[in-house]
Each structure stands twice: as structure tokens, then as C-alpha cells.
Amino acid sequence: MGQLTEWQERNWKNKLAKGFNTTNVEIEFNYTYAELAEAYESYRKDKGDLDEELADVVLFILSLAKMNGLDLETAVINKMAKNEARQYIEKNGHHVQKEKS
């Protein structure tokens, strides 16, 4: 078991122990959006707690993965490999994915 999976399980046990939402995916997405907004406000207003706010976002994402039966650690590893293999070109001042030949 990797670190992300351990964090996911630890976070889930805490949610269960404290009686937090573990069944309503829609509510969990809304909480995740709210936490991301809090992180942005922390950044924008330089409140000094951006690390904690981003950690909250990660914890809610871990919960969403658990609620949906997803192995987030494997998904992240696979997605990083996929992103690393992609090639990009600059187009109109932006990086866009190069079309596969």
C-alpha cells in the first residue's frame, strides 16, 4: 500500500469516527468546491494558510475517490505517466497537446 492509499484510508476512518458525510457524492463535490474557493481566497488575500486550505482540498478529493471505489493512487500514477508522454506545441501563446500522427 502506497502513501496516498494510506492517507485515503486514514482520512476515511476519521470521517467515519466523526460522523462526516460518507454517502452523498454530490454534497462531497460541493464541499470540495468550497474548499478550493477557500484556498483561492487564502492565496488572493495572502492569509498565510494556503497549505492548510490546499490540504483540505486533497482530503475531500480522497473522500470522493473512496466514495466511488476508486484507487486514486494508481489513477494518479497512471495519469502522470500519460501526461509525461504527451507532447505539446505552442499555439497562439498557449501550450496545446500535439495531435497524434
C-alpha atoms as a PDB file:
ATOM      1  CA  MET A   1       0.000   0.000   0.000  1.00  0.00           C
ATOM      2  CA  GLY A   2       1.401   3.348  -1.007  1.00  0.00           C
ATOM      3  CA  GLN A   3       1.329   6.642   0.833  1.00  0.00           C
ATOM      4  CA  LEU A   4      -1.688   8.101  -0.981  1.00  0.00           C
ATOM      5  CA  THR A   5      -3.723   4.963  -0.313  1.00  0.00           C
ATOM      6  CA  GLU A   6      -2.749   5.111   3.360  1.00  0.00           C
ATOM      7  CA  TRP A   7      -3.848   8.748   3.546  1.00  0.00           C
ATOM      8  CA  GLN A   8      -7.126   7.859   1.847  1.00  0.00           C
ATOM      9  CA  GLU A   9      -7.846   5.126   4.410  1.00  0.00           C
ATOM     10  CA  ARG A  10      -6.814   7.295   7.363  1.00  0.00           C
ATOM     11  CA  ASN A  11      -8.980  10.158   6.125  1.00  0.00           C
ATOM     12  CA  TRP A  12     -11.934   7.778   5.636  1.00  0.00           C
ATOM     13  CA  LYS A  13     -11.603   6.341   9.150  1.00  0.00           C
ATOM     14  CA  ASN A  14     -11.605   9.867  10.575  1.00  0.00           C
ATOM     15  CA  LYS A  15     -14.751  10.776   8.609  1.00  0.00           C
ATOM     16  CA  LEU A  16     -16.496   7.666   9.923  1.00  0.00           C
ATOM     17  CA  ALA A  17     -15.369   8.298  13.509  1.00  0.00           C
ATOM     18  CA  LYS A  18     -16.534  11.922  13.432  1.00  0.00           C
ATOM     19  CA  GLY A  19     -19.819  11.280  11.608  1.00  0.00           C
ATOM     20  CA  PHE A  20     -18.927  13.255   8.487  1.00  0.00           C
ATOM     21  CA  ASN A  21     -20.532  12.638   5.099  1.00  0.00           C
ATOM     22  CA  THR A  22     -19.545   9.289   3.588  1.00  0.00           C
ATOM     23  CA  THR A  23     -22.504   8.579   1.313  1.00  0.00           C
ATOM     24  CA  ASN A  24     -23.614  11.671  -0.604  1.00  0.00           C
ATOM     25  CA  VAL A  25     -21.246  12.212  -3.532  1.00  0.00           C
ATOM     26  CA  GLU A  26     -22.970  15.420  -4.665  1.00  0.00           C
ATOM     27  CA  ILE A  27     -22.509  17.033  -1.252  1.00  0.00           C
ATOM     28  CA  GLU A  28     -18.867  15.934  -1.179  1.00  0.00           C
ATOM     29  CA  PHE A  29     -18.266  17.593  -4.558  1.00  0.00           C
ATOM     30  CA  ASN A  30     -19.822  20.792  -3.220  1.00  0.00           C
ATOM     31  CA  TYR A  31     -17.615  20.685  -0.130  1.00  0.00           C
ATOM     32  CA  THR A  32     -14.614  20.159  -2.391  1.00  0.00           C
ATOM     33  CA  TYR A  33     -15.543  23.204  -4.479  1.00  0.00           C
ATOM     34  CA  ALA A  34     -15.972  25.241  -1.302  1.00  0.00           C
ATOM     35  CA  GLU A  35     -12.566  24.198  -0.004  1.00  0.00           C
ATOM     36  CA  LEU A  36     -10.949  25.085  -3.324  1.00  0.00           C
ATOM     37  CA  ALA A  37     -12.603  28.512  -3.144  1.00  0.00           C
ATOM     38  CA  GLU A  38     -11.223  28.931   0.381  1.00  0.00           C
ATOM     39  CA  ALA A  39      -7.760  28.035  -0.907  1.00  0.00           C
ATOM     40  CA  TYR A  40      -8.056  30.633  -3.651  1.00  0.00           C
ATOM     41  CA  GLU A  41      -9.160  33.270  -1.154  1.00  0.00           C
ATOM     42  CA  SER A  42      -6.219  32.386   1.068  1.00  0.00           C
ATOM     43  CA  TYR A  43      -3.883  32.829  -1.884  1.00  0.00           C
ATOM     44  CA  ARG A  44      -5.561  36.013  -3.120  1.00  0.00           C
ATOM     45  CA  LYS A  45      -5.591  37.649   0.303  1.00  0.00           C
ATOM     46  CA  ASP A  46      -2.208  36.191   1.357  1.00  0.00           C
ATOM     47  CA  LYS A  47      -3.683  34.835   4.584  1.00  0.00           C
ATOM     48  CA  GLY A  48      -0.725  32.548   5.235  1.00  0.00           C
ATOM     49  CA  ASP A  49      -2.727  29.320   5.400  1.00  0.00           C
ATOM     50  CA  LEU A  50      -2.719  28.265   1.765  1.00  0.00           C
ATOM     51  CA  ASP A  51      -1.006  24.976   2.635  1.00  0.00           C
ATOM     52  CA  GLU A  52      -3.782  24.028   5.064  1.00  0.00           C
ATOM     53  CA  GLU A  53      -6.517  25.044   2.626  1.00  0.00           C
ATOM     54  CA  LEU A  54      -4.955  23.001  -0.183  1.00  0.00           C
ATOM     55  CA  ALA A  55      -4.648  20.068   2.217  1.00  0.00           C
ATOM     56  CA  ASP A  56      -8.409  20.319   2.825  1.00  0.00           C
ATOM     57  CA  VAL A  57      -8.988  20.095  -0.936  1.00  0.00           C
ATOM     58  CA  VAL A  58      -6.833  16.965  -1.142  1.00  0.00           C
ATOM     59  CA  LEU A  59      -8.699  15.353   1.755  1.00  0.00           C
ATOM     60  CA  PHE A  60     -12.058  15.928   0.082  1.00  0.00           C
ATOM     61  CA  ILE A  61     -10.713  14.517  -3.182  1.00  0.00           C
ATOM     62  CA  LEU A  62      -9.506  11.442  -1.299  1.00  0.00           C
ATOM     63  CA  SER A  63     -13.010  11.086   0.107  1.00  0.00           C
ATOM     64  CA  LEU A  64     -14.597  11.382  -3.321  1.00  0.00           C
ATOM     65  CA  ALA A  65     -12.325   8.653  -4.622  1.00  0.00           C
ATOM     66  CA  LYS A  66     -13.199   6.386  -1.693  1.00  0.00           C
ATOM     67  CA  MET A  67     -16.930   7.047  -2.083  1.00  0.00           C
ATOM     68  CA  ASN A  68     -16.664   5.989  -5.727  1.00  0.00           C
ATOM     69  CA  GLY A  69     -14.492   2.922  -5.094  1.00  0.00           C
ATOM     70  CA  LEU A  70     -11.515   4.385  -6.947  1.00  0.00           C
ATOM     71  CA  ASP A  71      -7.858   3.563  -6.414  1.00  0.00           C
ATOM     72  CA  LEU A  72      -6.713   7.170  -6.591  1.00  0.00           C
ATOM     73  CA  GLU A  73      -3.048   6.343  -6.082  1.00  0.00           C
ATOM     74  CA  THR A  74      -2.949   4.132  -9.175  1.00  0.00           C
ATOM     75  CA  ALA A  75      -5.001   6.668 -11.116  1.00  0.00           C
ATOM     76  CA  VAL A  76      -2.558   9.474 -10.243  1.00  0.00           C
ATOM     77  CA  ILE A  77       0.477   7.366 -11.159  1.00  0.00           C
ATOM     78  CA  ASN A  78      -1.100   6.388 -14.488  1.00  0.00           C
ATOM     79  CA  LYS A  79      -2.175   9.957 -15.251  1.00  0.00           C
ATOM     80  CA  MET A  80       1.291  11.343 -14.514  1.00  0.00           C
ATOM     81  CA  ALA A  81       2.829   8.799 -16.903  1.00  0.00           C
ATOM     82  CA  LYS A  82       0.272   9.722 -19.549  1.00  0.00           C
ATOM     83  CA  ASN A  83       0.983  13.449 -19.109  1.00  0.00           C
ATOM     84  CA  GLU A  84       4.739  12.882 -19.256  1.00  0.00           C
ATOM     85  CA  ALA A  85       4.366  11.039 -22.566  1.00  0.00           C
ATOM     86  CA  ARG A  86       2.303  13.805 -24.176  1.00  0.00           C
ATOM     87  CA  GLN A  87       3.899  16.335 -26.459  1.00  0.00           C
ATOM     88  CA  TYR A  88       2.845  19.957 -26.626  1.00  0.00           C
ATOM     89  CA  ILE A  89       3.256  22.787 -29.077  1.00  0.00           C
ATOM     90  CA  GLU A  90       2.796  26.498 -28.597  1.00  0.00           C
ATOM     91  CA  LYS A  91      -0.222  27.882 -30.410  1.00  0.00           C
ATOM     92  CA  ASN A  92      -1.428  31.446 -30.028  1.00  0.00           C
ATOM     93  CA  GLY A  93       0.590  31.867 -26.849  1.00  0.00           C
ATOM     94  CA  HIS A  94      -0.727  28.681 -25.224  1.00  0.00           C
ATOM     95  CA  HIS A  95       0.557  25.147 -24.865  1.00  0.00           C
ATOM     96  CA  VAL A  96      -1.738  22.720 -26.645  1.00  0.00           C
ATOM     97  CA  GLN A  97      -1.417  18.988 -26.925  1.00  0.00           C
ATOM     98  CA  LYS A  98       0.243  17.907 -30.123  1.00  0.00           C
ATOM     99  CA  GLU A  99      -2.020  15.838 -32.355  1.00  0.00           C
ATOM    100  CA  LYS A 100      -1.080  12.174 -32.580  1.00  0.00           C
ATOM    101  CA  SER A 101       0.175  11.201 -36.008  1.00  0.00           C
END
